Structure formats: structure tokens, C-alpha cells
Protein backbone atom coordinates (compact mmCIF):
# COMPACT_ATOMS: atom_id res chain seq x y z
CA ALA A 1 -3.55 -12.25 5.27
CA ALA A 2 -0.49 -14.83 4.68
CA VAL A 3 1.12 -17.35 7.30
CA ILE A 4 4.85 -18.39 6.11
CA GLU A 5 5.92 -21.19 8.01
CA SER A 6 9.62 -22.39 8.03
CA GLY A 7 12.07 -24.54 10.36
CA GLY A 8 8.98 -24.79 13.03
CA VAL A 9 8.78 -20.90 13.37
CA LYS A 10 5.93 -18.93 11.50
CA ALA A 11 5.58 -15.18 10.43
CA VAL A 12 2.40 -13.80 9.83
CA LEU A 13 1.65 -10.35 7.12
CA VAL A 14 -1.68 -8.68 7.19
CA SER A 15 -2.90 -6.13 5.06
CA LEU A 16 -5.69 -3.68 6.03
CA ASP A 17 -7.48 -1.14 3.09
CA ILE A 18 -7.62 1.63 5.67
CA ILE A 19 -6.26 4.96 5.87
CA PHE A 20 -4.11 4.20 9.09
CA PHE A 21 -4.51 3.16 12.78
CA THR A 22 -3.15 4.01 16.36
CA VAL A 23 -0.41 1.74 17.43
CA ASP A 24 -2.90 0.99 20.36
CA PHE A 25 -5.21 -0.84 17.90
CA ALA A 26 -2.52 -2.31 15.90
CA ASN A 27 -0.86 -4.11 19.19
CA ALA A 28 -4.64 -5.06 19.87
CA LEU A 29 -5.00 -6.60 17.22
CA ARG A 30 -0.97 -8.50 16.91
CA GLU A 31 -1.94 -9.97 20.35
CA ARG A 32 -5.46 -11.25 18.71
CA ILE A 33 -3.74 -12.87 16.18
CA ALA A 34 -1.19 -13.97 18.61
CA ALA A 35 -3.57 -15.87 21.03
CA ALA A 36 -5.77 -17.41 18.10
CA ILE A 37 -2.81 -19.29 16.12
CA GLN A 38 0.09 -19.02 19.10
CA VAL A 39 2.33 -16.75 17.55
CA PRO A 40 4.62 -14.16 19.18
CA THR A 41 3.46 -10.75 18.93
CA ASP A 42 7.21 -9.74 17.29
CA TYR A 43 6.58 -12.10 14.11
CA ILE A 44 3.18 -10.61 13.42
CA PHE A 45 3.41 -7.91 10.68
CA VAL A 46 0.08 -5.36 10.19
CA HIS A 47 0.34 -3.20 7.81
CA THR A 48 -2.55 -0.36 6.09
CA THR A 49 -2.69 0.55 2.22
CA HIS A 50 -3.48 4.04 3.17
CA THR A 51 -6.33 4.05 0.69
CA HIS A 52 -8.18 7.54 1.26
CA THR A 53 -11.75 5.64 0.62
CA GLY A 54 -12.12 2.94 3.38
CA CYS A 55 -13.90 3.21 6.53
CA GLN A 56 -13.67 5.59 9.29
CA THR A 57 -10.46 4.69 11.61
CA ASP A 58 -9.53 5.23 15.18
CA VAL A 59 -8.20 8.73 14.78
CA ARG A 60 -9.67 11.96 13.85
CA CYS A 61 -9.15 12.95 9.78
CA TRP A 62 -10.45 15.16 7.58
CA GLY A 63 -13.32 16.15 9.64
CA ALA A 64 -14.28 12.97 10.37
CA PRO A 65 -14.03 12.40 13.74
CA ALA A 66 -12.00 8.71 15.48
CA SER A 67 -14.21 5.82 15.53
CA LYS A 68 -12.70 2.65 17.45
CA GLU A 69 -16.12 0.62 16.70
CA ALA A 70 -15.78 1.62 12.94
CA LEU A 71 -12.72 -0.85 12.92
CA ILE A 72 -14.40 -3.41 15.27
CA PRO A 73 -15.29 -5.45 11.97
CA VAL A 74 -11.73 -4.70 10.23
CA ALA A 75 -10.03 -5.90 13.17
CA ASP A 76 -12.53 -9.39 13.42
CA ALA A 77 -12.31 -9.45 9.57
CA ALA A 78 -8.34 -9.33 9.63
CA VAL A 79 -8.42 -12.33 12.70
CA GLN A 80 -10.93 -14.71 10.63
CA ALA A 81 -8.09 -14.05 7.41
CA VAL A 82 -5.21 -15.10 10.00
CA ILE A 83 -6.95 -18.23 11.10
CA ALA A 84 -8.22 -19.20 7.38
CA ALA A 85 -4.78 -19.02 5.88
CA ASN A 86 -2.76 -20.71 8.94
CA GLU A 87 -5.85 -23.59 8.02
CA GLN A 88 -4.71 -24.07 4.63
CA LEU A 89 -1.19 -23.88 5.01
CA ALA A 90 1.12 -25.84 2.39
CA GLU A 91 4.06 -27.05 0.91
CA VAL A 92 5.36 -24.23 -1.30
CA LYS A 93 7.92 -22.79 -3.03
CA MET A 94 9.23 -19.20 -3.08
CA GLY A 95 10.71 -16.68 -4.99
CA THR A 96 12.03 -12.54 -4.70
CA GLY A 97 11.92 -10.41 -7.42
CA ARG A 98 12.15 -6.43 -8.45
CA THR A 99 10.86 -4.47 -10.98
CA TYR A 100 10.24 -1.19 -11.79
CA GLU A 101 6.91 0.80 -12.58
CA THR A 102 7.57 4.33 -14.16
CA ARG A 103 4.41 5.09 -15.40
CA PHE A 104 2.05 6.24 -12.51
CA SER A 105 3.82 7.63 -9.42
CA PHE A 106 5.42 10.97 -9.51
CA CYS A 107 7.57 13.00 -6.66
CA ARG A 108 4.31 15.95 -5.61
CA ASP A 109 6.79 18.33 -3.45
CA PHE A 110 8.07 21.20 -6.28
CA PHE A 111 10.71 24.07 -5.68
CA SER A 112 8.70 27.13 -7.32
CA GLU A 113 9.93 30.09 -8.89
CA ASP A 114 9.82 31.96 -5.79
CA GLY A 115 11.76 29.48 -3.78
CA GLU A 116 9.10 28.03 -1.89
CA VAL A 117 8.49 24.37 -1.77
CA ILE A 118 5.08 23.48 -2.48
CA THR A 119 2.96 20.17 -1.81
CA ASN A 120 0.37 19.47 -4.45
CA PRO A 121 0.54 22.75 -6.51
CA GLY A 122 -2.09 21.65 -8.84
CA LEU A 123 -2.77 21.31 -12.61
CA GLY A 124 -2.82 24.63 -13.57
CA ASN A 125 0.51 25.74 -11.88
CA ALA A 126 3.03 24.11 -14.22
CA GLY A 127 4.36 27.02 -15.67
CA LYS A 128 5.75 28.43 -11.78
CA LEU A 129 7.49 24.86 -11.05
CA VAL A 130 11.32 24.27 -11.39
CA GLY A 131 11.00 20.64 -10.38
CA PRO A 132 10.45 17.92 -8.02
CA ILE A 133 12.57 18.29 -4.85
CA SER A 134 13.55 14.91 -4.83
CA ASP A 135 13.76 11.86 -6.73
CA ILE A 136 11.22 8.58 -6.19
CA ASP A 137 11.80 4.81 -5.44
CA GLU A 138 9.67 3.25 -8.74
CA SER A 139 10.80 0.17 -7.76
CA VAL A 140 8.21 -2.93 -7.40
CA ASN A 141 9.28 -6.03 -4.80
CA VAL A 142 7.31 -9.13 -5.34
CA ILE A 143 7.27 -11.72 -3.19
CA ARG A 144 5.57 -15.13 -4.64
CA PHE A 145 4.26 -18.35 -3.28
CA ASP A 146 3.89 -21.06 -5.38
CA ASP A 147 2.46 -24.66 -4.86
CA MET A 148 5.06 -27.65 -5.67
CA GLU A 149 3.41 -28.16 -9.41
CA GLY A 150 4.61 -24.53 -9.82
CA TYR A 151 1.04 -22.70 -9.92
CA PRO A 152 1.15 -19.22 -7.52
CA LEU A 153 -0.63 -19.37 -4.34
CA CYS A 154 0.29 -16.17 -3.15
CA PHE A 155 1.86 -12.84 -4.15
CA VAL A 156 3.06 -10.02 -1.65
CA VAL A 157 3.49 -6.65 -3.41
CA ASN A 158 5.27 -3.60 -2.43
CA TYR A 159 5.15 -0.06 -4.11
CA ALA A 160 4.90 3.37 -3.24
CA LEU A 161 2.22 5.15 -4.58
CA HIS A 162 -0.47 7.09 -2.83
CA LEU A 163 -4.07 5.02 -2.90
CA ASP A 164 -6.30 8.62 -3.73
CA THR A 165 -6.89 7.60 -7.03
CA ASN A 166 -10.05 6.66 -6.85
CA ALA A 167 -12.64 8.62 -8.86
CA HIS A 168 -15.71 8.01 -6.39
CA PRO A 169 -14.67 9.44 -3.17
CA ASP A 170 -18.64 9.19 -1.71
CA LYS A 171 -17.69 5.05 -2.21
CA PHE A 172 -15.71 2.72 -0.27
CA ASP A 173 -13.27 1.56 -2.50
CA ALA A 174 -10.11 -0.52 -1.46
CA ASP A 175 -8.28 1.83 -4.97
CA TYR A 176 -5.51 0.38 -6.96
CA ALA A 177 -4.97 -1.81 -4.91
CA GLY A 178 -7.90 -3.61 -4.76
CA THR A 179 -7.98 -3.62 -8.79
CA MET A 180 -3.87 -4.95 -8.72
CA PRO A 181 -5.29 -8.05 -7.05
CA GLU A 182 -8.53 -8.75 -9.15
CA ALA A 183 -6.48 -8.43 -12.72
CA LEU A 184 -3.51 -10.95 -10.87
CA ARG A 185 -6.36 -13.52 -10.16
CA ARG A 186 -7.76 -13.33 -13.68
CA LYS A 187 -4.38 -14.10 -14.98
CA PHE A 188 -3.32 -16.58 -12.18
CA GLY A 189 -6.53 -18.04 -10.81
CA ARG A 190 -9.56 -17.02 -8.46
CA ASP A 191 -7.79 -18.54 -5.50
CA VAL A 192 -4.50 -16.47 -5.72
CA VAL A 193 -3.70 -14.22 -2.73
CA VAL A 194 -2.52 -11.05 -3.12
CA LEU A 195 -1.40 -8.34 -0.41
CA PHE A 196 -0.13 -5.14 -1.68
CA LEU A 197 1.88 -3.37 1.19
CA ASN A 198 2.32 0.36 0.20
CA GLY A 199 5.75 1.89 0.32
CA CYS A 200 6.65 5.60 1.72
CA CYS A 201 4.52 7.42 -0.51
CA GLY A 202 3.94 10.74 1.81
CA ASN A 203 5.80 12.99 -1.46
CA ILE A 204 4.38 10.55 -3.70
CA ASN A 205 1.13 10.39 -5.72
CA HIS A 206 0.04 9.88 -9.32
CA TYR A 207 -0.09 13.11 -10.39
CA ASP A 208 2.50 14.66 -12.85
CA PHE A 209 2.30 18.74 -12.20
CA LYS A 210 5.08 19.65 -14.34
CA ASN A 211 3.81 17.89 -17.70
CA TYR A 212 0.81 16.15 -16.62
CA ASN A 213 0.94 14.28 -19.84
CA HIS A 214 -1.25 10.89 -19.14
CA GLU A 215 -4.04 9.80 -21.43
CA LYS A 216 -6.57 8.90 -19.31
CA THR A 217 -8.86 10.77 -17.22
CA HIS A 218 -9.49 10.95 -13.20
CA LYS A 219 -10.23 13.41 -10.70
CA PHE A 220 -8.27 16.05 -12.67
CA PRO A 221 -8.01 15.93 -16.77
CA LYS A 222 -5.10 13.61 -17.45
CA THR A 223 -4.50 12.01 -15.04
CA TYR A 224 -4.43 7.66 -14.76
CA SER A 225 -7.34 6.39 -12.83
CA SER A 226 -7.31 3.50 -10.13
CA TRP A 227 -8.72 0.94 -12.06
CA HIS A 228 -5.39 1.92 -15.08
CA ILE A 229 -2.94 1.58 -12.31
CA GLY A 230 -3.96 -1.57 -10.60
CA GLU A 231 -4.48 -3.31 -14.25
CA GLY A 232 -0.61 -2.01 -14.88
CA LEU A 233 0.95 -2.98 -11.97
CA ALA A 234 -0.98 -6.18 -12.56
CA ASP A 235 0.93 -6.26 -15.98
CA THR A 236 4.29 -4.65 -14.49
CA ILE A 237 4.16 -7.82 -12.12
CA SER A 238 3.58 -10.71 -14.15
CA LYS A 239 6.31 -9.87 -17.13
CA MET A 240 8.67 -9.26 -14.24
CA ASN A 241 12.24 -9.22 -16.50
CA PRO A 242 14.09 -10.95 -15.39
CA PRO A 243 11.56 -13.69 -14.54
CA LEU A 244 10.80 -14.48 -10.55
CA TYR A 245 11.66 -18.75 -10.45
CA PRO A 246 10.39 -19.51 -6.61
CA HIS A 247 12.66 -22.55 -5.19
CA ALA A 248 11.72 -24.81 -2.72
CA GLY A 249 13.52 -25.55 0.62
CA GLU A 250 13.80 -24.18 4.15
CA ILE A 251 14.20 -20.12 5.00
CA LEU A 252 14.94 -18.25 8.04
CA ILE A 253 12.21 -16.54 9.58
CA GLN A 254 13.04 -13.72 12.29
CA GLY A 255 10.75 -11.50 13.64
CA ARG A 256 11.61 -7.95 15.62
CA TYR A 257 10.03 -5.15 16.56
CA CYS A 258 11.02 -1.40 17.41
CA THR A 259 9.42 2.15 17.37
CA PHE A 260 10.71 4.82 15.52
CA PRO A 261 9.39 8.27 16.21
CA ALA A 262 8.73 11.01 14.10
CA PRO A 263 7.29 14.15 14.71
CA ARG A 264 4.36 15.54 13.15
CA ARG A 265 4.77 18.69 11.19
CA PHE A 266 2.13 21.37 12.35
CA ALA A 267 1.73 24.86 10.24
CA SER A 268 1.78 28.14 12.38
CA LYS A 269 -1.32 30.35 11.51
CA GLU A 270 0.37 32.34 8.65
CA ARG A 271 1.28 29.41 7.33
CA LYS A 272 -2.35 28.27 7.07
CA GLU A 273 -2.91 32.09 5.75
CA TRP A 274 -0.48 31.80 3.44
CA ALA A 275 -1.90 27.89 2.08
CA ALA A 276 -5.68 29.26 2.29
CA LYS A 277 -4.41 32.28 -0.30
CA PHE A 278 -2.78 30.08 -2.53
CA MET A 279 -5.51 27.45 -2.86
């Protein structure tokens, strides 16, 4: 968690290492944070990294039942992190920058030779694929806060890639969003706070199904592991070009909240039968 204050106005950023949560959970957590540090709920941003190897959540997922109880310690820890951040407010310099990471992310939706659009076609079907249905956003967007002597205190990192790169699906794991902060802390200090904000990655994962020319191994041949992705992403952030230069001074903080409705896709019985045969 991070708390940013300027001109007497505060904003709160919270990133949770879970796959997703309901609107009810998000709103309840924002209300708790608002009461804890006296910040309007519209100024509290709650994010989930979408790690596939987090705890149960309050939504039924892949056969796992919904469990509101599983998120109680998650919410409690988030509130405590915000309170701790608020108690450690210090004068800082802030800078923003953008770089690009082209090694790890690929579109996972492909046009096939028969005209179908296939998601996750598998590494053995490269010859049937015409090409990905779209380009993807490979940008890495960074906000960095330094102390007045220029030592980094906090990174906020936005990058779009599915967090299903962990090779141990039977263990809790923050995936590359966990190894990336560790790599940054080795370089900039153990007390550096790193928030990972995953981008829109519904059609982006780390498999190059058309070429699959990676050098390392993961659950499938020739794909990068969560460790390599996290380490590589941290290295890219550390070597941003042009460099990121934080500056002192007040900034304008505003918060707004709105609902964006998006219909879920539901597969017909026929489509499910087709998918079963394809798999």
C-alpha cells in the first residue's frame, strides 16, 4: 500500500496478491480504509494483481467455492498496510516514466487456418495458426517516489501480463509480481515499497504459441518462469531510458469513481463440446 499526500489531499493505492474479488469486497475495504485514515472512498484505489496462485477469494473459481472467510486476513492486512504507510509519510520527490518490455508478453488469441479464433491454442498447434488477432501493449509505466536525498522509497509499476507464470500451482505464490519487487529491493534497499498494478491482460500471457522460441523452461517447454520475468522486469525498470528523474513540488490529487459494466461471455453447450474435442 502507498499513501500520497499533496496540498492537504491524500490518495491511497492498494495492490492485493489475489486473483480477483467482488465489488462488495472492494467497497467494504475502501470504507474500512476511509475510516482508518480519514480519506474519502473516491480517493482509494484497490487493485488485484490477478495471481493464479493466491488464496481463495469471494468468487467461485475453477471449481473452488467462494469463500468470504478466506479474504478476511487479506482485508485486515491491507488496512494495516495503509495505516502503516500513513504513519510513515515523508517529504518526497516524484517522477513518472515509461519504458517497454518485449520479451515476456504475447497475445494468446489467434486466427486459425479454418477461420476460428482460438484462445491458448497450445504449443503443438503452431502450424495451424495464422497469427495473433491483435497487437498488445508492451509498455511498463512507472511512478517513483524518492526521499529528498534521491534514494527511492516507493515504485508503482503498471505492466500487462497474466500472472499464471508460477511453476508450482499447488503453492501460494505472488508470481512475477512477487519476484520483481524482491529484485528491486536488492538494488535499491530492503525498505523500498513496490506496488504492482497489472494492466488489461485478458488476452495476454507469456506463451509465444506461434514461435515459442524462449530459452528457459516453465510448465511447458521454452517459456520463461516467474523468476525470470520478475527479474527481467526489474532490470528493465532499473535501466529506464530516458532515465526517470523525480522532482519535488506539490501536485494536484483528484479522485473519482464510476462503474464500468461489461457483460460476461457465456459459452453454449455446442461451443463447450467443440472446446473439449479441441483440447
